[in-house]
């Protein structure tokens, strides 16, 4: 074996040794990272679960409030309709009293809004 091939073999062996060392160091670092981050995964998972539960509770509460608001809105729209129905029934049952009340109310409004000039 000549000197140049001996040098090439030595360089190749050194390169192989360096590559193995880098590979082992990389594997060791990956294992260390996994060991360090494992507890964080559990914490992040718990935090995510808590966040999801909170959002679910908020959505449930919002739906409940929306239902109550909708119910109240229906009540407010039903009251005027009931008043109109009651008025129609009263006028039908007591037509003379209704006309008299309308005349008195009209005269009152006319006197209040009339100008005094």
PDB file of N, CA and C in Angstrom:
ATOM      1  N   UNK A   1       0.840  -1.143   0.000  1.00  0.00           N
ATOM      2  CA  UNK A   1       0.000   0.000   0.000  1.00  0.00           C
ATOM      3  C   UNK A   1       0.903   1.228   0.000  1.00  0.00           C
ATOM      4  N   UNK A   2       0.583   2.129  -0.882  1.00  0.00           N
ATOM      5  CA  UNK A   2       1.409   3.323  -0.948  1.00  0.00           C
ATOM      6  C   UNK A   2       0.907   4.371   0.025  1.00  0.00           C
ATOM      7  N   UNK A   3       1.660   5.434   0.085  1.00  0.00           N
ATOM      8  CA  UNK A   3       1.389   6.465   1.065  1.00  0.00           C
ATOM      9  C   UNK A   3       0.075   7.185   0.799  1.00  0.00           C
ATOM     10  N   UNK A   4      -0.278   7.447  -0.442  1.00  0.00           N
ATOM     11  CA  UNK A   4      -1.502   8.185  -0.760  1.00  0.00           C
ATOM     12  C   UNK A   4      -2.739   7.346  -0.454  1.00  0.00           C
ATOM     13  N   UNK A   5      -2.687   6.042  -0.714  1.00  0.00           N
ATOM     14  CA  UNK A   5      -3.847   5.226  -0.394  1.00  0.00           C
ATOM     15  C   UNK A   5      -3.972   5.046   1.115  1.00  0.00           C
ATOM     16  N   UNK A   6      -2.880   5.036   1.845  1.00  0.00           N
ATOM     17  CA  UNK A   6      -2.932   4.955   3.302  1.00  0.00           C
ATOM     18  C   UNK A   6      -3.553   6.236   3.857  1.00  0.00           C
ATOM     19  N   UNK A   7      -3.181   7.396   3.270  1.00  0.00           N
ATOM     20  CA  UNK A   7      -3.770   8.670   3.699  1.00  0.00           C
ATOM     21  C   UNK A   7      -5.262   8.711   3.375  1.00  0.00           C
ATOM     22  N   UNK A   8      -5.658   8.194   2.215  1.00  0.00           N
ATOM     23  CA  UNK A   8      -7.066   8.178   1.819  1.00  0.00           C
ATOM     24  C   UNK A   8      -7.864   7.297   2.768  1.00  0.00           C
ATOM     25  N   UNK A   9      -7.276   6.141   3.161  1.00  0.00           N
ATOM     26  CA  UNK A   9      -7.961   5.253   4.106  1.00  0.00           C
ATOM     27  C   UNK A   9      -8.095   5.904   5.477  1.00  0.00           C
ATOM     28  N   UNK A  10      -7.078   6.602   5.882  1.00  0.00           N
ATOM     29  CA  UNK A  10      -7.114   7.278   7.179  1.00  0.00           C
ATOM     30  C   UNK A  10      -8.168   8.389   7.168  1.00  0.00           C
ATOM     31  N   UNK A  11      -8.229   9.130   6.049  1.00  0.00           N
ATOM     32  CA  UNK A  11      -9.220  10.206   5.937  1.00  0.00           C
ATOM     33  C   UNK A  11     -10.623   9.617   5.924  1.00  0.00           C
ATOM     34  N   UNK A  12     -10.807   8.528   5.195  1.00  0.00           N
ATOM     35  CA  UNK A  12     -12.112   7.877   5.125  1.00  0.00           C
ATOM     36  C   UNK A  12     -12.537   7.364   6.491  1.00  0.00           C
ATOM     37  N   UNK A  13     -11.611   6.783   7.224  1.00  0.00           N
ATOM     38  CA  UNK A  13     -11.910   6.286   8.564  1.00  0.00           C
ATOM     39  C   UNK A  13     -12.264   7.446   9.491  1.00  0.00           C
ATOM     40  N   UNK A  14     -11.570   8.543   9.359  1.00  0.00           N
ATOM     41  CA  UNK A  14     -11.855   9.710  10.197  1.00  0.00           C
ATOM     42  C   UNK A  14     -13.237  10.265   9.861  1.00  0.00           C
ATOM     43  N   UNK A  15     -13.537  10.306   8.555  1.00  0.00           N
ATOM     44  CA  UNK A  15     -14.850  10.799   8.143  1.00  0.00           C
ATOM     45  C   UNK A  15     -15.955   9.904   8.702  1.00  0.00           C
ATOM     46  N   UNK A  16     -15.755   8.589   8.654  1.00  0.00           N
ATOM     47  CA  UNK A  16     -16.738   7.652   9.191  1.00  0.00           C
ATOM     48  C   UNK A  16     -16.910   7.852  10.693  1.00  0.00           C
ATOM     49  N   UNK A  17     -15.807   8.052  11.377  1.00  0.00           N
ATOM     50  CA  UNK A  17     -15.859   8.265  12.824  1.00  0.00           C
ATOM     51  C   UNK A  17     -16.623   9.555  13.140  1.00  0.00           C
ATOM     52  N   UNK A  18     -16.349  10.604  12.362  1.00  0.00           N
ATOM     53  CA  UNK A  18     -17.039  11.887  12.582  1.00  0.00           C
ATOM     54  C   UNK A  18     -18.532  11.731  12.313  1.00  0.00           C
ATOM     55  N   UNK A  19     -18.878  11.039  11.227  1.00  0.00           N
ATOM     56  CA  UNK A  19     -20.292  10.841  10.898  1.00  0.00           C
ATOM     57  C   UNK A  19     -21.014  10.056  11.985  1.00  0.00           C
ATOM     58  N   UNK A  20     -20.364   9.004  12.501  1.00  0.00           N
ATOM     59  CA  UNK A  20     -20.967   8.237  13.597  1.00  0.00           C
ATOM     60  C   UNK A  20     -21.140   9.105  14.834  1.00  0.00           C
ATOM     61  N   UNK A  21     -20.142   9.915  15.136  1.00  0.00           N
ATOM     62  CA  UNK A  21     -20.219  10.799  16.300  1.00  0.00           C
ATOM     63  C   UNK A  21     -21.355  11.819  16.152  1.00  0.00           C
ATOM     64  N   UNK A  22     -21.489  12.388  14.955  1.00  0.00           N
ATOM     65  CA  UNK A  22     -22.561  13.356  14.707  1.00  0.00           C
ATOM     66  C   UNK A  22     -23.914  12.662  14.808  1.00  0.00           C
ATOM     67  N   UNK A  23     -24.022  11.475  14.246  1.00  0.00           N
ATOM     68  CA  UNK A  23     -25.269  10.722  14.297  1.00  0.00           C
ATOM     69  C   UNK A  23     -25.646  10.383  15.743  1.00  0.00           C
ATOM     70  N   UNK A  24     -24.675   9.935  16.519  1.00  0.00           N
ATOM     71  CA  UNK A  24     -24.934   9.611  17.924  1.00  0.00           C
ATOM     72  C   UNK A  24     -25.312  10.864  18.715  1.00  0.00           C
ATOM     73  N   UNK A  25     -24.638  11.964  18.443  1.00  0.00           N
ATOM     74  CA  UNK A  25     -24.948  13.218  19.138  1.00  0.00           C
ATOM     75  C   UNK A  25     -26.372  13.668  18.777  1.00  0.00           C
ATOM     76  N   UNK A  26     -26.737  13.541  17.511  1.00  0.00           N
ATOM     77  CA  UNK A  26     -28.090  13.907  17.081  1.00  0.00           C
ATOM     78  C   UNK A  26     -29.127  13.045  17.762  1.00  0.00           C
ATOM     79  N   UNK A  27     -28.903  11.754  17.813  1.00  0.00           N
ATOM     80  CA  UNK A  27     -29.838  10.849  18.485  1.00  0.00           C
ATOM     81  C   UNK A  27     -29.966  11.183  19.961  1.00  0.00           C
ATOM     82  N   UNK A  28     -28.840  11.457  20.591  1.00  0.00           N
ATOM     83  CA  UNK A  28     -28.842  11.808  22.009  1.00  0.00           C
ATOM     84  C   UNK A  28     -29.624  13.108  22.241  1.00  0.00           C
ATOM     85  N   UNK A  29     -29.433  14.081  21.363  1.00  0.00           N
ATOM     86  CA  UNK A  29     -30.162  15.346  21.494  1.00  0.00           C
ATOM     87  C   UNK A  29     -31.665  15.138  21.298  1.00  0.00           C
ATOM     88  N   UNK A  30     -32.030  14.319  20.320  1.00  0.00           N
ATOM     89  CA  UNK A  30     -33.451  14.030  20.102  1.00  0.00           C
ATOM     90  C   UNK A  30     -34.075  13.370  21.334  1.00  0.00           C
ATOM     91  N   UNK A  31     -33.378  12.436  21.913  1.00  0.00           N
ATOM     92  CA  UNK A  31     -33.892  11.778  23.116  1.00  0.00           C
ATOM     93  C   UNK A  31     -34.044  12.780  24.266  1.00  0.00           C
ATOM     94  N   UNK A  32     -33.058  13.639  24.418  1.00  0.00           N
ATOM     95  CA  UNK A  32     -33.112  14.647  25.484  1.00  0.00           C
ATOM     96  C   UNK A  32     -34.288  15.598  25.263  1.00  0.00           C
ATOM     97  N   UNK A  33     -34.476  16.032  24.022  1.00  0.00           N
ATOM     98  CA  UNK A  33     -35.596  16.924  23.705  1.00  0.00           C
ATOM     99  C   UNK A  33     -36.916  16.233  24.024  1.00  0.00           C
ATOM    100  N   UNK A  34     -37.047  14.966  23.633  1.00  0.00           N
ATOM    101  CA  UNK A  34     -38.278  14.224  23.925  1.00  0.00           C
ATOM    102  C   UNK A  34     -38.522  14.120  25.430  1.00  0.00           C
ATOM    103  N   UNK A  35     -37.464  13.847  26.211  1.00  0.00           N
ATOM    104  CA  UNK A  35     -37.612  13.740  27.664  1.00  0.00           C
ATOM    105  C   UNK A  35     -38.027  15.081  28.278  1.00  0.00           C
ATOM    106  N   UNK A  36     -37.467  16.166  27.772  1.00  0.00           N
ATOM    107  CA  UNK A  36     -37.756  17.483  28.329  1.00  0.00           C
ATOM    108  C   UNK A  36     -39.160  17.947  27.954  1.00  0.00           C
ATOM    109  N   UNK A  37     -39.580  17.668  26.724  1.00  0.00           N
ATOM    110  CA  UNK A  37     -40.874  18.182  26.258  1.00  0.00           C
ATOM    111  C   UNK A  37     -42.054  17.298  26.649  1.00  0.00           C
ATOM    112  N   UNK A  38     -41.823  16.081  27.069  1.00  0.00           N
ATOM    113  CA  UNK A  38     -42.921  15.181  27.408  1.00  0.00           C
ATOM    114  C   UNK A  38     -43.839  15.764  28.487  1.00  0.00           C
ATOM    115  N   UNK A  39     -43.314  16.298  29.592  1.00  0.00           N
ATOM    116  CA  UNK A  39     -44.214  16.899  30.583  1.00  0.00           C
ATOM    117  C   UNK A  39     -44.989  18.095  30.012  1.00  0.00           C
ATOM    118  N   UNK A  40     -44.365  18.827  29.121  1.00  0.00           N
ATOM    119  CA  UNK A  40     -45.044  19.981  28.520  1.00  0.00           C
ATOM    120  C   UNK A  40     -46.226  19.526  27.665  1.00  0.00           C
ATOM    121  N   UNK A  41     -46.106  18.395  27.004  1.00  0.00           N
ATOM    122  CA  UNK A  41     -47.216  17.882  26.200  1.00  0.00           C
ATOM    123  C   UNK A  41     -48.439  17.645  27.075  1.00  0.00           C
ATOM    124  N   UNK A  42     -48.231  17.052  28.235  1.00  0.00           N
ATOM    125  CA  UNK A  42     -49.345  16.801  29.141  1.00  0.00           C
ATOM    126  C   UNK A  42     -49.978  18.104  29.616  1.00  0.00           C
ATOM    127  N   UNK A  43     -49.149  19.070  29.924  1.00  0.00           N
ATOM    128  CA  UNK A  43     -49.656  20.366  30.382  1.00  0.00           C
ATOM    129  C   UNK A  43     -50.439  21.057  29.277  1.00  0.00           C
ATOM    130  N   UNK A  44     -49.898  21.035  28.072  1.00  0.00           N
ATOM    131  CA  UNK A  44     -50.584  21.665  26.939  1.00  0.00           C
ATOM    132  C   UNK A  44     -51.901  20.948  26.655  1.00  0.00           C
ATOM    133  N   UNK A  45     -51.899  19.628  26.733  1.00  0.00           N
ATOM    134  CA  UNK A  45     -53.136  18.878  26.515  1.00  0.00           C
ATOM    135  C   UNK A  45     -54.191  19.227  27.573  1.00  0.00           C
ATOM    136  N   UNK A  46     -53.779  19.331  28.833  1.00  0.00           N
ATOM    137  CA  UNK A  46     -54.718  19.700  29.891  1.00  0.00           C
ATOM    138  C   UNK A  46     -55.247  21.113  29.675  1.00  0.00           C
ATOM    139  N   UNK A  47     -54.366  22.032  29.300  1.00  0.00           N
ATOM    140  CA  UNK A  47     -54.798  23.414  29.056  1.00  0.00           C
ATOM    141  C   UNK A  47     -55.774  23.469  27.887  1.00  0.00           C
ATOM    142  N   UNK A  48     -55.500  22.694  26.834  1.00  0.00           N
ATOM    143  CA  UNK A  48     -56.402  22.673  25.679  1.00  0.00           C
ATOM    144  C   UNK A  48     -57.759  22.099  26.069  1.00  0.00           C
ATOM    145  N   UNK A  49     -57.758  21.048  26.865  1.00  0.00           N
ATOM    146  CA  UNK A  49     -59.019  20.456  27.315  1.00  0.00           C
ATOM    147  C   UNK A  49     -59.812  21.452  28.159  1.00  0.00           C
ATOM    148  N   UNK A  50     -59.138  22.145  29.056  1.00  0.00           N
ATOM    149  CA  UNK A  50     -59.809  23.143  29.881  1.00  0.00           C
ATOM    150  C   UNK A  50     -60.369  24.277  29.009  1.00  0.00           C
ATOM    151  N   UNK A  51     -59.604  24.688  28.018  1.00  0.00           N
ATOM    152  CA  UNK A  51     -60.075  25.758  27.129  1.00  0.00           C
ATOM    153  C   UNK A  51     -61.313  25.307  26.362  1.00  0.00           C
ATOM    154  N   UNK A  52     -61.295  24.080  25.865  1.00  0.00           N
ATOM    155  CA  UNK A  52     -62.460  23.554  25.143  1.00  0.00           C
ATOM    156  C   UNK A  52     -63.680  23.478  26.065  1.00  0.00           C
ATOM    157  N   UNK A  53     -63.484  23.018  27.285  1.00  0.00           N
ATOM    158  CA  UNK A  53     -64.592  22.943  28.244  1.00  0.00           C
ATOM    159  C   UNK A  53     -65.155  24.331  28.548  1.00  0.00           C
ATOM    160  N   UNK A  54     -64.281  25.306  28.686  1.00  0.00           N
ATOM    161  CA  UNK A  54     -64.728  26.677  28.955  1.00  0.00           C
ATOM    162  C   UNK A  54     -65.543  27.217  27.787  1.00  0.00           C
ATOM    163  N   UNK A  55     -65.074  26.973  26.578  1.00  0.00           N
ATOM    164  CA  UNK A  55     -65.808  27.427  25.395  1.00  0.00           C
ATOM    165  C   UNK A  55     -67.167  26.743  25.329  1.00  0.00           C
ATOM    166  N   UNK A  56     -67.217  25.464  25.634  1.00  0.00           N
ATOM    167  CA  UNK A  56     -68.496  24.743  25.634  1.00  0.00           C
ATOM    168  C   UNK A  56     -69.461  25.331  26.663  1.00  0.00           C
ATOM    169  N   UNK A  57     -68.961  25.651  27.857  1.00  0.00           N
ATOM    170  CA  UNK A  57     -69.811  26.246  28.892  1.00  0.00           C
ATOM    171  C   UNK A  57     -70.309  27.613  28.455  1.00  0.00           C
ATOM    172  N   UNK A  58     -69.423  28.415  27.864  1.00  0.00           N
ATOM    173  CA  UNK A  58     -69.828  29.737  27.392  1.00  0.00           C
ATOM    174  C   UNK A  58     -70.882  29.629  26.293  1.00  0.00           C
ATOM    175  N   UNK A  59     -70.694  28.700  25.388  1.00  0.00           N
ATOM    176  CA  UNK A  59     -71.670  28.516  24.303  1.00  0.00           C
ATOM    177  C   UNK A  59     -73.014  28.075  24.864  1.00  0.00           C
ATOM    178  N   UNK A  60     -72.988  27.188  25.844  1.00  0.00           N
ATOM    179  CA  UNK A  60     -74.225  26.732  26.465  1.00  0.00           C
ATOM    180  C   UNK A  60     -74.938  27.888  27.160  1.00  0.00           C
ATOM    181  N   UNK A  61     -74.183  28.692  27.885  1.00  0.00           N
ATOM    182  CA  UNK A  61     -74.769  29.857  28.552  1.00  0.00           C
ATOM    183  C   UNK A  61     -75.326  30.857  27.554  1.00  0.00           C
ATOM    184  N   UNK A  62     -74.607  31.078  26.464  1.00  0.00           N
ATOM    185  CA  UNK A  62     -75.079  32.010  25.434  1.00  0.00           C
ATOM    186  C   UNK A  62     -76.362  31.497  24.799  1.00  0.00           C
ATOM    187  N   UNK A  63     -76.444  30.193  24.565  1.00  0.00           N
ATOM    188  CA  UNK A  63     -77.674  29.625  23.998  1.00  0.00           C
ATOM    189  C   UNK A  63     -78.842  29.789  24.962  1.00  0.00           C
ATOM    190  N   UNK A  64     -78.579  29.612  26.243  1.00  0.00           N
ATOM    191  CA  UNK A  64     -79.625  29.774  27.245  1.00  0.00           C
ATOM    192  C   UNK A  64     -80.122  31.214  27.279  1.00  0.00           C
ATOM    193  N   UNK A  65     -79.193  32.163  27.270  1.00  0.00           N
ATOM    194  CA  UNK A  65     -79.567  33.581  27.280  1.00  0.00           C
ATOM    195  C   UNK A  65     -80.328  33.936  26.006  1.00  0.00           C
ATOM    196  N   UNK A  66     -79.867  33.431  24.866  1.00  0.00           N
ATOM    197  CA  UNK A  66     -80.548  33.711  23.600  1.00  0.00           C
ATOM    198  C   UNK A  66     -81.976  33.179  23.628  1.00  0.00           C
ATOM    199  N   UNK A  67     -82.168  32.014  24.214  1.00  0.00           N
ATOM    200  CA  UNK A  67     -83.512  31.449  24.329  1.00  0.00           C
ATOM    201  C   UNK A  67     -84.414  32.311  25.190  1.00  0.00           C
ATOM    202  N   UNK A  68     -83.882  32.812  26.295  1.00  0.00           N
ATOM    203  CA  UNK A  68     -84.673  33.668  27.180  1.00  0.00           C
ATOM    204  C   UNK A  68     -85.007  34.996  26.506  1.00  0.00           C
ATOM    205  N   UNK A  69     -84.044  35.563  25.801  1.00  0.00           N
ATOM    206  CA  UNK A  69     -84.294  36.818  25.083  1.00  0.00           C
ATOM    207  C   UNK A  69     -85.352  36.610  24.014  1.00  0.00           C
ATOM    208  N   UNK A  70     -85.270  35.511  23.307  1.00  0.00           N
ATOM    209  CA  UNK A  70     -86.262  35.212  22.280  1.00  0.00           C
ATOM    210  C   UNK A  70     -87.651  35.063  22.893  1.00  0.00           C
ATOM    211  N   UNK A  71     -87.714  34.400  24.031  1.00  0.00           N
ATOM    212  CA  UNK A  71     -88.999  34.223  24.721  1.00  0.00           C
ATOM    213  C   UNK A  71     -89.588  35.574  25.131  1.00  0.00           C
ATOM    214  N   UNK A  72     -88.748  36.452  25.678  1.00  0.00           N
ATOM    215  CA  UNK A  72     -89.211  37.779  26.077  1.00  0.00           C
ATOM    216  C   UNK A  72     -89.650  38.590  24.858  1.00  0.00           C
ATOM    217  N   UNK A  73     -88.928  38.468  23.754  1.00  0.00           N
ATOM    218  CA  UNK A  73     -89.299  39.193  22.540  1.00  0.00           C
ATOM    219  C   UNK A  73     -90.670  38.745  22.053  1.00  0.00           C
ATOM    220  N   UNK A  74     -90.941  37.450  22.124  1.00  0.00           N
ATOM    221  CA  UNK A  74     -92.260  36.944  21.727  1.00  0.00           C
ATOM    222  C   UNK A  74     -93.352  37.499  22.651  1.00  0.00           C
ATOM    223  N   UNK A  75     -93.043  37.606  23.926  1.00  0.00           N
ATOM    224  CA  UNK A  75     -94.028  38.167  24.856  1.00  0.00           C
ATOM    225  C   UNK A  75     -94.335  39.621  24.510  1.00  0.00           C
ATOM    226  N   UNK A  76     -93.296  40.403  24.198  1.00  0.00           N
ATOM    227  CA  UNK A  76     -93.499  41.809  23.871  1.00  0.00           C
ATOM    228  C   UNK A  76     -94.254  41.988  22.559  1.00  0.00           C
ATOM    229  N   UNK A  77     -94.073  41.084  21.623  1.00  0.00           N
ATOM    230  CA  UNK A  77     -94.820  41.200  20.361  1.00  0.00           C
ATOM    231  C   UNK A  77     -96.239  40.672  20.514  1.00  0.00           C
ATOM    232  N   UNK A  78     -96.460  39.774  21.445  1.00  0.00           N
ATOM    233  CA  UNK A  78     -97.804  39.225  21.652  1.00  0.00           C
ATOM    234  C   UNK A  78     -98.713  40.182  22.423  1.00  0.00           C
ATOM    235  N   UNK A  79     -98.155  40.987  23.318  1.00  0.00           N
ATOM    236  CA  UNK A  79     -98.964  41.886  24.150  1.00  0.00           C
ATOM    237  C   UNK A  79     -99.753  42.886  23.301  1.00  0.00           C
ATOM    238  N   UNK A  80     -99.139  43.579  22.341  1.00  0.00           N
ATOM    239  CA  UNK A  80     -99.938  44.505  21.531  1.00  0.00           C
ATOM    240  C   UNK A  80    -101.041  43.794  20.742  1.00  0.00           C
ATOM    241  N   UNK A  81    -100.747  42.608  20.256  1.00  0.00           N
ATOM    242  CA  UNK A  81    -101.767  41.862  19.513  1.00  0.00           C
ATOM    243  C   UNK A  81    -102.931  41.487  20.425  1.00  0.00           C
ATOM    244  N   UNK A  82    -102.631  41.125  21.653  1.00  0.00           N
ATOM    245  CA  UNK A  82    -103.687  40.797  22.609  1.00  0.00           C
ATOM    246  C   UNK A  82    -104.508  42.038  22.948  1.00  0.00           C
ATOM    247  N   UNK A  83    -103.844  43.198  23.047  1.00  0.00           N
ATOM    248  CA  UNK A  83    -104.564  44.446  23.339  1.00  0.00           C
ATOM    249  C   UNK A  83    -105.508  44.810  22.194  1.00  0.00           C
ATOM    250  N   UNK A  84    -105.052  44.618  20.958  1.00  0.00           N
ATOM    251  CA  UNK A  84    -105.908  44.894  19.796  1.00  0.00           C
ATOM    252  C   UNK A  84    -107.101  43.943  19.790  1.00  0.00           C
ATOM    253  N   UNK A  85    -106.844  42.681  20.051  1.00  0.00           N
ATOM    254  CA  UNK A  85    -107.948  41.703  20.098  1.00  0.00           C
ATOM    255  C   UNK A  85    -108.950  42.057  21.192  1.00  0.00           C
ATOM    256  N   UNK A  86    -108.453  42.453  22.356  1.00  0.00           N
ATOM    257  CA  UNK A  86    -109.337  42.838  23.455  1.00  0.00           C
ATOM    258  C   UNK A  86    -110.162  44.074  23.075  1.00  0.00           C
ATOM    259  N   UNK A  87    -109.514  45.051  22.426  1.00  0.00           N
ATOM    260  CA  UNK A  87    -110.216  46.274  22.013  1.00  0.00           C
ATOM    261  C   UNK A  87    -111.307  45.957  21.001  1.00  0.00           C
ATOM    262  N   UNK A  88    -111.007  45.106  20.047  1.00  0.00           N
ATOM    263  CA  UNK A  88    -112.005  44.719  19.042  1.00  0.00           C
ATOM    264  C   UNK A  88    -113.205  44.052  19.715  1.00  0.00           C
ATOM    265  N   UNK A  89    -112.933  43.177  20.653  1.00  0.00           N
ATOM    266  CA  UNK A  89    -114.020  42.479  21.342  1.00  0.00           C
ATOM    267  C   UNK A  89    -114.845  43.465  22.168  1.00  0.00           C
ATOM    268  N   UNK A  90    -114.223  44.421  22.829  1.00  0.00           N
ATOM    269  CA  UNK A  90    -114.937  45.396  23.649  1.00  0.00           C
ATOM    270  C   UNK A  90    -115.817  46.283  22.759  1.00  0.00           C
ATOM    271  N   UNK A  91    -115.252  46.745  21.628  1.00  0.00           N
ATOM    272  CA  UNK A  91    -116.028  47.589  20.714  1.00  0.00           C
ATOM    273  C   UNK A  91    -117.226  46.828  20.161  1.00  0.00           C
ATOM    274  N   UNK A  92    -117.022  45.566  19.858  1.00  0.00           N
ATOM    275  CA  UNK A  92    -118.115  44.745  19.331  1.00  0.00           C
ATOM    276  C   UNK A  92    -119.209  44.553  20.390  1.00  0.00           C
ATOM    277  N   UNK A  93    -118.814  44.359  21.643  1.00  0.00           N
ATOM    278  CA  UNK A  93    -119.776  44.120  22.723  1.00  0.00           C
ATOM    279  C   UNK A  93    -120.442  45.421  23.204  1.00  0.00           C
ATOM    280  N   UNK A  94    -119.751  46.565  23.139  1.00  0.00           N
ATOM    281  CA  UNK A  94    -120.249  47.849  23.650  1.00  0.00           C
ATOM    282  C   UNK A  94    -120.010  48.955  22.620  1.00  0.00           C
ATOM    283  N   UNK A  95    -120.722  48.969  21.512  1.00  0.00           N
ATOM    284  CA  UNK A  95    -120.433  49.929  20.448  1.00  0.00           C
ATOM    285  C   UNK A  95    -120.712  51.384  20.848  1.00  0.00           C
ATOM    286  N   UNK A  96    -121.769  51.662  21.578  1.00  0.00           N
ATOM    287  CA  UNK A  96    -122.095  53.042  21.945  1.00  0.00           C
ATOM    288  C   UNK A  96    -121.071  53.616  22.925  1.00  0.00           C
ATOM    289  N   UNK A  97    -120.656  52.819  23.883  1.00  0.00           N
ATOM    290  CA  UNK A  97    -119.645  53.278  24.834  1.00  0.00           C
ATOM    291  C   UNK A  97    -118.316  53.546  24.115  1.00  0.00           C
ATOM    292  N   UNK A  98    -117.980  52.721  23.130  1.00  0.00           N
ATOM    293  CA  UNK A  98    -116.741  52.888  22.378  1.00  0.00           C
ATOM    294  C   UNK A  98    -116.773  54.187  21.582  1.00  0.00           C
ATOM    295  N   UNK A  99    -117.928  54.486  20.928  1.00  0.00           N
ATOM    296  CA  UNK A  99    -118.048  55.725  20.159  1.00  0.00           C
ATOM    297  C   UNK A  99    -117.969  56.919  21.104  1.00  0.00           C
ATOM    298  N   UNK A 100    -118.646  56.863  22.235  1.00  0.00           N
ATOM    299  CA  UNK A 100    -118.589  57.951  23.223  1.00  0.00           C
ATOM    300  C   UNK A 100    -117.181  58.183  23.730  1.00  0.00           C
ATOM    301  N   UNK A 101    -116.473  57.116  24.039  1.00  0.00           N
ATOM    302  CA  UNK A 101    -115.098  57.245  24.529  1.00  0.00           C
ATOM    303  C   UNK A 101    -114.205  57.849  23.451  1.00  0.00           C
ATOM    304  N   UNK A 102    -114.426  57.465  22.189  1.00  0.00           N
ATOM    305  CA  UNK A 102    -113.630  58.008  21.095  1.00  0.00           C
ATOM    306  C   UNK A 102    -113.893  59.502  20.931  1.00  0.00           C
ATOM    307  N   UNK A 103    -115.187  59.930  21.056  1.00  0.00           N
ATOM    308  CA  UNK A 103    -115.515  61.353  20.947  1.00  0.00           C
ATOM    309  C   UNK A 103    -114.865  62.163  22.063  1.00  0.00           C
ATOM    310  N   UNK A 104    -114.963  61.674  23.289  1.00  0.00           N
ATOM    311  CA  UNK A 104    -114.359  62.373  24.422  1.00  0.00           C
ATOM    312  C   UNK A 104    -112.844  62.451  24.253  1.00  0.00           C
ATOM    313  N   UNK A 105    -112.221  61.393  23.868  1.00  0.00           N
ATOM    314  CA  UNK A 105    -110.769  61.367  23.671  1.00  0.00           C
ATOM    315  C   UNK A 105    -110.362  62.314  22.543  1.00  0.00           C
ATOM    316  N   UNK A 106    -111.149  62.330  21.461  1.00  0.00           N
ATOM    317  CA  UNK A 106    -110.852  63.234  20.352  1.00  0.00           C
ATOM    318  C   UNK A 106    -110.959  64.695  20.767  1.00  0.00           C
ATOM    319  N   UNK A 107    -111.995  65.050  21.546  1.00  0.00           N
ATOM    320  CA  UNK A 107    -112.161  66.428  22.018  1.00  0.00           C
ATOM    321  C   UNK A 107    -111.006  66.827  22.940  1.00  0.00           C
ATOM    322  N   UNK A 108    -110.595  65.918  23.813  1.00  0.00           N
ATOM    323  CA  UNK A 108    -109.486  66.199  24.731  1.00  0.00           C
ATOM    324  C   UNK A 108    -108.189  66.460  23.968  1.00  0.00           C
ATOM    325  N   UNK A 109    -107.898  65.622  23.011  1.00  0.00           N
ATOM    326  CA  UNK A 109    -106.669  65.776  22.221  1.00  0.00           C
ATOM    327  C   UNK A 109    -106.744  67.073  21.409  1.00  0.00           C
ATOM    328  N   UNK A 110    -107.921  67.370  20.864  1.00  0.00           N
ATOM    329  CA  UNK A 110    -108.084  68.604  20.101  1.00  0.00           C
ATOM    330  C   UNK A 110    -107.851  69.837  20.949  1.00  0.00           C
ATOM    331  N   UNK A 111    -108.364  69.851  22.153  1.00  0.00           N
ATOM    332  CA  UNK A 111    -108.186  71.015  23.044  1.00  0.00           C
ATOM    333  C   UNK A 111    -106.740  71.155  23.489  1.00  0.00           C
ATOM    334  N   UNK A 112    -106.076  70.024  23.717  1.00  0.00           N
ATOM    335  CA  UNK A 112    -104.674  70.089  24.167  1.00  0.00           C
ATOM    336  C   UNK A 112    -103.723  70.552  23.070  1.00  0.00           C
ATOM    337  N   UNK A 113    -104.059  70.206  21.833  1.00  0.00           N
ATOM    338  CA  UNK A 113    -103.154  70.546  20.734  1.00  0.00           C
ATOM    339  C   UNK A 113    -103.555  71.809  19.990  1.00  0.00           C
ATOM    340  N   UNK A 114    -104.704  72.396  20.327  1.00  0.00           N
ATOM    341  CA  UNK A 114    -105.172  73.606  19.650  1.00  0.00           C
ATOM    342  C   UNK A 114    -104.277  74.780  20.026  1.00  0.00           C
ATOM    343  N   UNK A 115    -103.997  75.618  19.029  1.00  0.00           N
ATOM    344  CA  UNK A 115    -103.183  76.806  19.323  1.00  0.00           C
ATOM    345  C   UNK A 115    -104.058  77.891  19.913  1.00  0.00           C
ATOM    346  N   UNK A 116    -103.530  78.752  20.724  1.00  0.00           N
ATOM    347  CA  UNK A 116    -104.284  79.767  21.449  1.00  0.00           C
ATOM    348  C   UNK A 116    -104.128  81.147  20.805  1.00  0.00           C
ATOM    349  N   UNK A 117    -103.703  81.250  19.618  1.00  0.00           N
ATOM    350  CA  UNK A 117    -103.508  82.549  18.950  1.00  0.00           C
ATOM    351  C   UNK A 117    -104.774  83.116  18.461  1.00  0.00           C
TER     352      UNK A 117
END
